[in-house]
Amino acid sequence: MTRETVWNGFTQAQLDAAYNNAAAVADSAARVADWTARSAAFRQAHDRELNIAYGVGARQRFDVFRCGVKSAPMLAFIHGGWWQRNSKDVFSCMAAGPMVRGFDVALIGYTLAPFASLGEIAGEIRAALDRLAVYQRDCGAISQVLVSGWSAGGHLTALTLDHPAVLAGLAISGVFDLEPIRHCYINDKLGLDAPMAAALSPARIRPCGKPLALAFGLAELPELQRQTADYGAWCAEAGRPAFGYPLDGHDHFSILDEFASPGGALVHMIAALERLAAKV
């Protein structure tokens, strides 16, 4: 008996498993718990600029962590969780690596699905970047930013690269074509239809020409690796090279070790992007 396929030869169970990062990584829950504990301590030690509002929603807030260097470049980080889990507070500890390398870091929060549509979430990120630019100017700091994000945040990074305050982006373990997403379990809370998925897919939108790095772990699910490879190729065909950074030995969660550590590969990428953006 032939099993019914729902997208590109995948059955429903196969497609759900192909995008279930938490189930694919045995220690994923322990890693998130560790980030949460480290982040609570980090926020307690760096509590001067927390929960700055960019809208009226409870999650429409960002935190700023300063490295102590005058006129430091700013990195804005967007958290993951398939647009429906986690919060900026879980990822505060990720600021530690870039801060040691001379970056100020902003952690952006946003309303989670189903309480906001994906289009509304994308709008919130743009509103946060608007407010962050003004906030930076009011503080006498650099108003333009590098933007980075992990998983769903990688998608939002690519989607908002054209924002006028953004100089360059680093998308980590993201998805860039939402068509398979709308056919799997993730869409239960997103409610994407075909036009919405196309409109919100970076791979369906003409690239803006700003530098973009695409990082992923070689131990990630094959669909995540394919998404990044296909998006990088599409960008090249569209005339905007996107720099691919496959990281050997890393899965969807361990890859962020390279962000939180000052000597991590992702921190080196951020520094390289900042130098590249300065030349553009």
C-alpha atoms as a PDB file:
ATOM      1  CA  MET A   1       0.000   0.000   0.000  1.00  0.00           C
ATOM      2  CA  THR A   2       1.380   3.378  -1.039  1.00  0.00           C
ATOM      3  CA  ARG A   3       1.640   5.929   1.745  1.00  0.00           C
ATOM      4  CA  GLU A   4       0.211   9.342   0.898  1.00  0.00           C
ATOM      5  CA  THR A   5       2.788  12.081   0.445  1.00  0.00           C
ATOM      6  CA  VAL A   6       2.161  15.681   1.512  1.00  0.00           C
ATOM      7  CA  TRP A   7       5.160  17.531   0.092  1.00  0.00           C
ATOM      8  CA  ASN A   8       8.040  16.657  -2.240  1.00  0.00           C
ATOM      9  CA  GLY A   9       7.747  12.904  -1.681  1.00  0.00           C
ATOM     10  CA  PHE A  10       7.535  13.141   2.130  1.00  0.00           C
ATOM     11  CA  THR A  11       4.718  11.504   4.044  1.00  0.00           C
ATOM     12  CA  GLN A  12       3.241  13.532   6.890  1.00  0.00           C
ATOM     13  CA  ALA A  13       5.259  11.646   9.501  1.00  0.00           C
ATOM     14  CA  GLN A  14       8.463  11.994   7.494  1.00  0.00           C
ATOM     15  CA  LEU A  15       8.015  15.722   6.947  1.00  0.00           C
ATOM     16  CA  ASP A  16       7.170  16.339  10.596  1.00  0.00           C
ATOM     17  CA  ALA A  17      10.337  14.479  11.609  1.00  0.00           C
ATOM     18  CA  ALA A  18      12.394  16.321   8.991  1.00  0.00           C
ATOM     19  CA  TYR A  19      11.752  19.631  10.785  1.00  0.00           C
ATOM     20  CA  ASN A  20      11.598  18.446  14.400  1.00  0.00           C
ATOM     21  CA  ASN A  21      14.946  19.724  15.639  1.00  0.00           C
ATOM     22  CA  ALA A  22      14.191  19.073  19.299  1.00  0.00           C
ATOM     23  CA  ALA A  23      13.392  15.410  18.703  1.00  0.00           C
ATOM     24  CA  ALA A  24      16.502  14.978  16.546  1.00  0.00           C
ATOM     25  CA  VAL A  25      18.893  16.158  19.280  1.00  0.00           C
ATOM     26  CA  ALA A  26      18.819  14.002  22.404  1.00  0.00           C
ATOM     27  CA  ASP A  27      20.040  16.698  24.787  1.00  0.00           C
ATOM     28  CA  SER A  28      18.061  19.603  23.287  1.00  0.00           C
ATOM     29  CA  ALA A  29      15.912  20.135  26.399  1.00  0.00           C
ATOM     30  CA  ALA A  30      18.980  20.071  28.650  1.00  0.00           C
ATOM     31  CA  ARG A  31      20.717  22.610  26.417  1.00  0.00           C
ATOM     32  CA  VAL A  32      17.759  25.004  26.533  1.00  0.00           C
ATOM     33  CA  ALA A  33      17.609  24.609  30.316  1.00  0.00           C
ATOM     34  CA  ASP A  34      21.321  25.399  30.519  1.00  0.00           C
ATOM     35  CA  TRP A  35      20.913  28.507  28.331  1.00  0.00           C
ATOM     36  CA  THR A  36      18.023  29.626  30.530  1.00  0.00           C
ATOM     37  CA  ALA A  37      20.046  29.289  33.739  1.00  0.00           C
ATOM     38  CA  ARG A  38      23.123  30.978  32.279  1.00  0.00           C
ATOM     39  CA  SER A  39      20.995  33.747  30.849  1.00  0.00           C
ATOM     40  CA  ALA A  40      19.302  34.453  34.182  1.00  0.00           C
ATOM     41  CA  ALA A  41      22.724  34.945  35.785  1.00  0.00           C
ATOM     42  CA  PHE A  42      23.897  37.025  32.829  1.00  0.00           C
ATOM     43  CA  ARG A  43      20.860  39.305  33.028  1.00  0.00           C
ATOM     44  CA  GLN A  44      21.374  39.763  36.745  1.00  0.00           C
ATOM     45  CA  ALA A  45      24.942  40.893  36.095  1.00  0.00           C
ATOM     46  CA  HIS A  46      23.952  43.151  33.155  1.00  0.00           C
ATOM     47  CA  ASP A  47      20.630  44.676  34.211  1.00  0.00           C
ATOM     48  CA  ARG A  48      20.915  48.330  33.176  1.00  0.00           C
ATOM     49  CA  GLU A  49      19.088  48.238  29.820  1.00  0.00           C
ATOM     50  CA  LEU A  50      16.486  45.489  29.979  1.00  0.00           C
ATOM     51  CA  ASN A  51      12.983  45.276  28.510  1.00  0.00           C
ATOM     52  CA  ILE A  52      13.045  48.428  26.408  1.00  0.00           C
ATOM     53  CA  ALA A  53       9.645  48.745  24.743  1.00  0.00           C
ATOM     54  CA  TYR A  54       9.223  49.046  20.989  1.00  0.00           C
ATOM     55  CA  GLY A  55       5.445  48.396  21.099  1.00  0.00           C
ATOM     56  CA  VAL A  56       2.604  47.837  23.518  1.00  0.00           C
ATOM     57  CA  GLY A  57       2.701  44.020  23.513  1.00  0.00           C
ATOM     58  CA  ALA A  58       4.127  42.197  26.513  1.00  0.00           C
ATOM     59  CA  ARG A  59       6.863  40.599  24.389  1.00  0.00           C
ATOM     60  CA  GLN A  60       7.572  43.679  22.273  1.00  0.00           C
ATOM     61  CA  ARG A  61      10.752  44.427  24.169  1.00  0.00           C
ATOM     62  CA  PHE A  62      14.483  44.288  23.617  1.00  0.00           C
ATOM     63  CA  ASP A  63      17.481  44.157  25.936  1.00  0.00           C
ATOM     64  CA  VAL A  64      20.811  45.878  25.334  1.00  0.00           C
ATOM     65  CA  PHE A  65      24.094  44.601  26.722  1.00  0.00           C
ATOM     66  CA  ARG A  66      27.104  46.916  26.436  1.00  0.00           C
ATOM     67  CA  CYS A  67      30.681  45.767  25.979  1.00  0.00           C
ATOM     68  CA  GLY A  68      32.083  48.966  27.500  1.00  0.00           C
ATOM     69  CA  VAL A  69      33.813  50.193  24.322  1.00  0.00           C
ATOM     70  CA  LYS A  70      32.785  53.656  23.113  1.00  0.00           C
ATOM     71  CA  SER A  71      31.103  53.618  19.676  1.00  0.00           C
ATOM     72  CA  ALA A  72      31.051  49.829  19.612  1.00  0.00           C
ATOM     73  CA  PRO A  73      29.232  48.177  16.699  1.00  0.00           C
ATOM     74  CA  MET A  74      25.786  46.823  17.567  1.00  0.00           C
ATOM     75  CA  LEU A  75      24.638  43.251  16.952  1.00  0.00           C
ATOM     76  CA  ALA A  76      20.901  42.500  17.175  1.00  0.00           C
ATOM     77  CA  PHE A  77      20.018  38.850  17.875  1.00  0.00           C
ATOM     78  CA  ILE A  78      16.629  37.210  17.144  1.00  0.00           C
ATOM     79  CA  HIS A  79      15.799  34.033  19.050  1.00  0.00           C
ATOM     80  CA  GLY A  80      14.399  30.808  17.637  1.00  0.00           C
ATOM     81  CA  GLY A  81      11.707  28.298  18.567  1.00  0.00           C
ATOM     82  CA  TRP A  82       9.705  27.927  15.321  1.00  0.00           C
ATOM     83  CA  TRP A  83       8.163  31.374  15.978  1.00  0.00           C
ATOM     84  CA  GLN A  84       6.077  29.846  18.796  1.00  0.00           C
ATOM     85  CA  ARG A  85       8.451  28.986  21.677  1.00  0.00           C
ATOM     86  CA  ASN A  86      11.177  30.537  23.849  1.00  0.00           C
ATOM     87  CA  SER A  87      11.895  34.192  24.561  1.00  0.00           C
ATOM     88  CA  LYS A  88      14.757  36.654  24.372  1.00  0.00           C
ATOM     89  CA  ASP A  89      15.456  35.975  28.064  1.00  0.00           C
ATOM     90  CA  VAL A  90      16.501  32.384  27.285  1.00  0.00           C
ATOM     91  CA  PHE A  91      19.245  33.612  24.935  1.00  0.00           C
ATOM     92  CA  SER A  92      20.822  36.468  26.912  1.00  0.00           C
ATOM     93  CA  CYS A  93      23.916  34.359  27.554  1.00  0.00           C
ATOM     94  CA  MET A  94      24.632  34.355  23.800  1.00  0.00           C
ATOM     95  CA  ALA A  95      25.678  38.004  24.098  1.00  0.00           C
ATOM     96  CA  ALA A  96      28.788  37.031  26.057  1.00  0.00           C
ATOM     97  CA  GLY A  97      30.868  35.982  23.047  1.00  0.00           C
ATOM     98  CA  PRO A  98      30.289  39.041  20.851  1.00  0.00           C
ATOM     99  CA  MET A  99      30.656  41.399  23.831  1.00  0.00           C
ATOM    100  CA  VAL A 100      34.190  40.167  24.582  1.00  0.00           C
ATOM    101  CA  ARG A 101      35.004  40.823  20.914  1.00  0.00           C
ATOM    102  CA  GLY A 102      33.888  44.462  21.211  1.00  0.00           C
ATOM    103  CA  PHE A 103      30.230  44.341  20.193  1.00  0.00           C
ATOM    104  CA  ASP A 104      27.223  45.753  21.980  1.00  0.00           C
ATOM    105  CA  VAL A 105      24.379  43.229  21.705  1.00  0.00           C
ATOM    106  CA  ALA A 106      20.597  43.651  21.603  1.00  0.00           C
ATOM    107  CA  LEU A 107      18.278  40.688  22.187  1.00  0.00           C
ATOM    108  CA  ILE A 108      14.917  41.175  20.436  1.00  0.00           C
ATOM    109  CA  GLY A 109      11.687  39.688  21.752  1.00  0.00           C
ATOM    110  CA  TYR A 110       8.489  39.192  19.780  1.00  0.00           C
ATOM    111  CA  THR A 111       4.948  37.903  20.179  1.00  0.00           C
ATOM    112  CA  LEU A 112       4.692  34.153  19.646  1.00  0.00           C
ATOM    113  CA  ALA A 113       2.291  32.317  17.345  1.00  0.00           C
ATOM    114  CA  PRO A 114      -0.640  31.748  17.500  1.00  0.00           C
ATOM    115  CA  PHE A 115      -1.050  35.077  19.297  1.00  0.00           C
ATOM    116  CA  ALA A 116       0.594  36.758  16.302  1.00  0.00           C
ATOM    117  CA  SER A 117       0.730  35.663  12.679  1.00  0.00           C
ATOM    118  CA  LEU A 118       4.118  35.188  11.044  1.00  0.00           C
ATOM    119  CA  GLY A 119       3.518  38.360   9.056  1.00  0.00           C
ATOM    120  CA  GLU A 120       2.865  40.234  12.298  1.00  0.00           C
ATOM    121  CA  ILE A 121       5.997  38.736  13.875  1.00  0.00           C
ATOM    122  CA  ALA A 122       8.070  39.914  10.906  1.00  0.00           C
ATOM    123  CA  GLY A 123       6.535  43.364  11.337  1.00  0.00           C
ATOM    124  CA  GLU A 124       7.457  43.347  15.022  1.00  0.00           C
ATOM    125  CA  ILE A 125      11.109  42.651  14.201  1.00  0.00           C
ATOM    126  CA  ARG A 126      11.137  45.611  11.806  1.00  0.00           C
ATOM    127  CA  ALA A 127       9.516  47.791  14.475  1.00  0.00           C
ATOM    128  CA  ALA A 128      12.142  46.645  16.995  1.00  0.00           C
ATOM    129  CA  LEU A 129      14.919  47.610  14.573  1.00  0.00           C
ATOM    130  CA  ASP A 130      13.276  51.019  14.050  1.00  0.00           C
ATOM    131  CA  ARG A 131      13.157  51.609  17.805  1.00  0.00           C
ATOM    132  CA  LEU A 132      16.663  50.236  18.363  1.00  0.00           C
ATOM    133  CA  ALA A 133      18.101  52.690  15.827  1.00  0.00           C
ATOM    134  CA  VAL A 134      16.424  55.617  17.590  1.00  0.00           C
ATOM    135  CA  TYR A 135      17.437  54.292  21.005  1.00  0.00           C
ATOM    136  CA  GLN A 136      21.041  54.006  19.885  1.00  0.00           C
ATOM    137  CA  ARG A 137      21.071  57.569  18.546  1.00  0.00           C
ATOM    138  CA  ASP A 138      19.573  58.836  21.812  1.00  0.00           C
ATOM    139  CA  CYS A 139      22.381  57.030  23.672  1.00  0.00           C
ATOM    140  CA  GLY A 140      25.022  58.581  21.410  1.00  0.00           C
ATOM    141  CA  ALA A 141      25.815  55.134  19.989  1.00  0.00           C
ATOM    142  CA  ILE A 142      26.013  53.729  16.465  1.00  0.00           C
ATOM    143  CA  SER A 143      22.483  53.405  15.082  1.00  0.00           C
ATOM    144  CA  GLN A 144      23.125  50.892  12.301  1.00  0.00           C
ATOM    145  CA  VAL A 145      23.317  47.245  13.278  1.00  0.00           C
ATOM    146  CA  LEU A 146      24.373  43.792  12.247  1.00  0.00           C
ATOM    147  CA  VAL A 147      21.493  41.353  12.642  1.00  0.00           C
ATOM    148  CA  SER A 148      21.705  37.674  13.478  1.00  0.00           C
ATOM    149  CA  GLY A 149      19.283  34.966  14.479  1.00  0.00           C
ATOM    150  CA  TRP A 150      19.061  31.233  15.082  1.00  0.00           C
ATOM    151  CA  SER A 151      16.510  28.781  13.660  1.00  0.00           C
ATOM    152  CA  ALA A 152      13.286  30.792  13.245  1.00  0.00           C
ATOM    153  CA  GLY A 153      15.458  33.800  14.036  1.00  0.00           C
ATOM    154  CA  GLY A 154      17.626  32.865  11.056  1.00  0.00           C
ATOM    155  CA  HIS A 155      14.549  33.141   8.849  1.00  0.00           C
ATOM    156  CA  LEU A 156      13.665  36.522  10.377  1.00  0.00           C
ATOM    157  CA  THR A 157      17.251  37.690   9.876  1.00  0.00           C
ATOM    158  CA  ALA A 158      17.119  36.997   6.146  1.00  0.00           C
ATOM    159  CA  LEU A 159      13.631  38.473   5.907  1.00  0.00           C
ATOM    160  CA  THR A 160      14.632  41.798   7.498  1.00  0.00           C
ATOM    161  CA  LEU A 161      18.042  42.234   5.866  1.00  0.00           C
ATOM    162  CA  ASP A 162      16.619  45.053   3.733  1.00  0.00           C
ATOM    163  CA  HIS A 163      15.756  47.170   6.795  1.00  0.00           C
ATOM    164  CA  PRO A 164      17.522  50.549   6.485  1.00  0.00           C
ATOM    165  CA  ALA A 165      19.215  50.184   9.879  1.00  0.00           C
ATOM    166  CA  VAL A 166      20.749  46.802   8.987  1.00  0.00           C
ATOM    167  CA  LEU A 167      24.268  46.614   7.559  1.00  0.00           C
ATOM    168  CA  ALA A 168      24.664  42.836   7.204  1.00  0.00           C
ATOM    169  CA  GLY A 169      23.270  39.575   8.545  1.00  0.00           C
ATOM    170  CA  LEU A 170      24.237  36.182   9.933  1.00  0.00           C
ATOM    171  CA  ALA A 171      21.441  33.595   9.640  1.00  0.00           C
ATOM    172  CA  ILE A 172      22.143  30.508  11.744  1.00  0.00           C
ATOM    173  CA  SER A 173      20.374  27.205  11.018  1.00  0.00           C
ATOM    174  CA  GLY A 174      17.444  28.976   9.407  1.00  0.00           C
ATOM    175  CA  VAL A 175      14.659  28.106   6.997  1.00  0.00           C
ATOM    176  CA  PHE A 176      14.235  30.237   3.919  1.00  0.00           C
ATOM    177  CA  ASP A 177      11.422  28.585   1.975  1.00  0.00           C
ATOM    178  CA  LEU A 178       8.255  28.153   4.044  1.00  0.00           C
ATOM    179  CA  GLU A 179       6.406  25.891   1.623  1.00  0.00           C
ATOM    180  CA  PRO A 180       7.406  22.674   3.462  1.00  0.00           C
ATOM    181  CA  ILE A 181       6.714  24.386   6.789  1.00  0.00           C
ATOM    182  CA  ARG A 182       3.084  24.969   5.891  1.00  0.00           C
ATOM    183  CA  HIS A 183       2.630  21.218   5.283  1.00  0.00           C
ATOM    184  CA  CYS A 184       4.073  20.018   8.622  1.00  0.00           C
ATOM    185  CA  TYR A 185       3.211  20.189  12.312  1.00  0.00           C
ATOM    186  CA  ILE A 186       4.818  23.612  12.738  1.00  0.00           C
ATOM    187  CA  ASN A 187       1.962  25.158  10.779  1.00  0.00           C
ATOM    188  CA  ASP A 188      -0.639  24.109  13.364  1.00  0.00           C
ATOM    189  CA  LYS A 189      -0.017  27.410  15.170  1.00  0.00           C
ATOM    190  CA  LEU A 190       1.186  29.478  12.221  1.00  0.00           C
ATOM    191  CA  GLY A 191      -1.774  28.927   9.904  1.00  0.00           C
ATOM    192  CA  LEU A 192       0.196  29.663   6.742  1.00  0.00           C
ATOM    193  CA  ASP A 193      -1.479  29.269   3.359  1.00  0.00           C
ATOM    194  CA  ALA A 194       0.379  29.149   0.039  1.00  0.00           C
ATOM    195  CA  PRO A 195       0.354  32.941  -0.661  1.00  0.00           C
ATOM    196  CA  MET A 196       1.444  33.746   2.902  1.00  0.00           C
ATOM    197  CA  ALA A 197       4.247  31.181   2.785  1.00  0.00           C
ATOM    198  CA  ALA A 198       5.514  32.612  -0.501  1.00  0.00           C
ATOM    199  CA  ALA A 199       5.320  36.228   0.670  1.00  0.00           C
ATOM    200  CA  LEU A 200       7.273  35.464   3.853  1.00  0.00           C
ATOM    201  CA  SER A 201       9.921  33.198   2.314  1.00  0.00           C
ATOM    202  CA  PRO A 202      13.301  34.915   1.838  1.00  0.00           C
ATOM    203  CA  ALA A 203      13.952  32.481  -1.026  1.00  0.00           C
ATOM    204  CA  ARG A 204      10.954  33.931  -2.887  1.00  0.00           C
ATOM    205  CA  ILE A 205      11.919  37.583  -2.367  1.00  0.00           C
ATOM    206  CA  ARG A 206      14.516  39.438  -4.418  1.00  0.00           C
ATOM    207  CA  PRO A 207      17.676  39.804  -2.289  1.00  0.00           C
ATOM    208  CA  CYS A 208      18.683  43.316  -1.272  1.00  0.00           C
ATOM    209  CA  GLY A 209      22.442  43.136  -1.881  1.00  0.00           C
ATOM    210  CA  LYS A 210      23.710  43.427   1.697  1.00  0.00           C
ATOM    211  CA  PRO A 211      26.290  40.943   3.001  1.00  0.00           C
ATOM    212  CA  LEU A 212      24.722  37.770   4.382  1.00  0.00           C
ATOM    213  CA  ALA A 213      26.410  34.783   6.019  1.00  0.00           C
ATOM    214  CA  LEU A 214      24.584  31.454   6.300  1.00  0.00           C
ATOM    215  CA  ALA A 215      25.774  29.094   9.025  1.00  0.00           C
ATOM    216  CA  PHE A 216      24.592  25.564   9.731  1.00  0.00           C
ATOM    217  CA  GLY A 217      25.857  22.438  11.433  1.00  0.00           C
ATOM    218  CA  LEU A 218      26.844  19.387   9.439  1.00  0.00           C
ATOM    219  CA  ALA A 219      25.100  17.237  12.064  1.00  0.00           C
ATOM    220  CA  GLU A 220      21.786  19.054  11.550  1.00  0.00           C
ATOM    221  CA  LEU A 221      18.718  17.508   9.983  1.00  0.00           C
ATOM    222  CA  PRO A 222      19.158  17.112   6.200  1.00  0.00           C
ATOM    223  CA  GLU A 223      16.234  19.440   5.451  1.00  0.00           C
ATOM    224  CA  LEU A 224      17.846  22.259   7.454  1.00  0.00           C
ATOM    225  CA  GLN A 225      21.094  21.764   5.585  1.00  0.00           C
ATOM    226  CA  ARG A 226      19.259  21.680   2.257  1.00  0.00           C
ATOM    227  CA  GLN A 227      17.344  24.859   3.061  1.00  0.00           C
ATOM    228  CA  THR A 228      20.572  26.765   3.674  1.00  0.00           C
ATOM    229  CA  ALA A 229      22.372  25.329   0.640  1.00  0.00           C
ATOM    230  CA  ASP A 230      19.432  26.055  -1.665  1.00  0.00           C
ATOM    231  CA  TYR A 231      19.019  29.583  -0.352  1.00  0.00           C
ATOM    232  CA  GLY A 232      22.721  30.292  -0.769  1.00  0.00           C
ATOM    233  CA  ALA A 233      22.583  29.058  -4.359  1.00  0.00           C
ATOM    234  CA  TRP A 234      19.460  31.116  -5.042  1.00  0.00           C
ATOM    235  CA  CYS A 235      21.130  34.254  -3.690  1.00  0.00           C
ATOM    236  CA  ALA A 236      24.135  33.666  -5.936  1.00  0.00           C
ATOM    237  CA  GLU A 237      21.880  33.249  -8.966  1.00  0.00           C
ATOM    238  CA  ALA A 238      20.094  36.478  -8.053  1.00  0.00           C
ATOM    239  CA  GLY A 239      23.397  38.345  -7.960  1.00  0.00           C
ATOM    240  CA  ARG A 240      23.875  38.617  -4.201  1.00  0.00           C
ATOM    241  CA  PRO A 241      26.475  36.189  -2.922  1.00  0.00           C
ATOM    242  CA  ALA A 242      25.607  34.680   0.441  1.00  0.00           C
ATOM    243  CA  PHE A 243      28.561  33.231   2.298  1.00  0.00           C
ATOM    244  CA  GLY A 244      28.026  29.666   3.507  1.00  0.00           C
ATOM    245  CA  TYR A 245      29.610  28.429   6.731  1.00  0.00           C
ATOM    246  CA  PRO A 246      29.040  24.714   7.383  1.00  0.00           C
ATOM    247  CA  LEU A 247      30.313  23.839  10.859  1.00  0.00           C
ATOM    248  CA  ASP A 248      31.531  20.287  11.262  1.00  0.00           C
ATOM    249  CA  GLY A 249      30.355  18.346  14.308  1.00  0.00           C
ATOM    250  CA  HIS A 250      27.547  20.703  15.294  1.00  0.00           C
ATOM    251  CA  ASP A 251      23.834  19.984  15.504  1.00  0.00           C
ATOM    252  CA  HIS A 252      20.968  22.475  15.613  1.00  0.00           C
ATOM    253  CA  PHE A 253      21.615  23.314  19.259  1.00  0.00           C
ATOM    254  CA  SER A 254      25.345  22.866  19.787  1.00  0.00           C
ATOM    255  CA  ILE A 255      26.055  25.332  16.969  1.00  0.00           C
ATOM    256  CA  LEU A 256      25.262  28.178  19.371  1.00  0.00           C
ATOM    257  CA  ASP A 257      28.338  27.218  21.417  1.00  0.00           C
ATOM    258  CA  GLU A 258      30.198  28.962  18.599  1.00  0.00           C
ATOM    259  CA  PHE A 259      28.195  32.136  19.276  1.00  0.00           C
ATOM    260  CA  ALA A 260      28.377  32.341  23.056  1.00  0.00           C
ATOM    261  CA  SER A 261      32.148  31.765  23.140  1.00  0.00           C
ATOM    262  CA  PRO A 262      34.447  34.745  22.368  1.00  0.00           C
ATOM    263  CA  GLY A 263      36.620  32.444  20.266  1.00  0.00           C
ATOM    264  CA  GLY A 264      33.715  30.735  18.541  1.00  0.00           C
ATOM    265  CA  ALA A 265      33.440  30.409  14.779  1.00  0.00           C
ATOM    266  CA  LEU A 266      30.194  32.384  14.692  1.00  0.00           C
ATOM    267  CA  VAL A 267      31.770  35.261  16.607  1.00  0.00           C
ATOM    268  CA  HIS A 268      34.590  35.305  14.071  1.00  0.00           C
ATOM    269  CA  MET A 269      31.932  35.440  11.328  1.00  0.00           C
ATOM    270  CA  ILE A 270      30.262  38.406  13.022  1.00  0.00           C
ATOM    271  CA  ALA A 271      33.565  40.274  13.186  1.00  0.00           C
ATOM    272  CA  ALA A 272      34.264  39.475   9.522  1.00  0.00           C
ATOM    273  CA  LEU A 273      30.800  40.679   8.521  1.00  0.00           C
ATOM    274  CA  GLU A 274      31.305  43.913  10.411  1.00  0.00           C
ATOM    275  CA  ARG A 275      34.554  44.556   8.515  1.00  0.00           C
ATOM    276  CA  LEU A 276      32.922  43.636   5.213  1.00  0.00           C
ATOM    277  CA  ALA A 277      29.902  45.863   5.827  1.00  0.00           C
ATOM    278  CA  ALA A 278      32.230  48.782   6.557  1.00  0.00           C
ATOM    279  CA  LYS A 279      33.620  48.456   3.044  1.00  0.00           C
ATOM    280  CA  VAL A 280      30.242  48.278   1.253  1.00  0.00           C
END
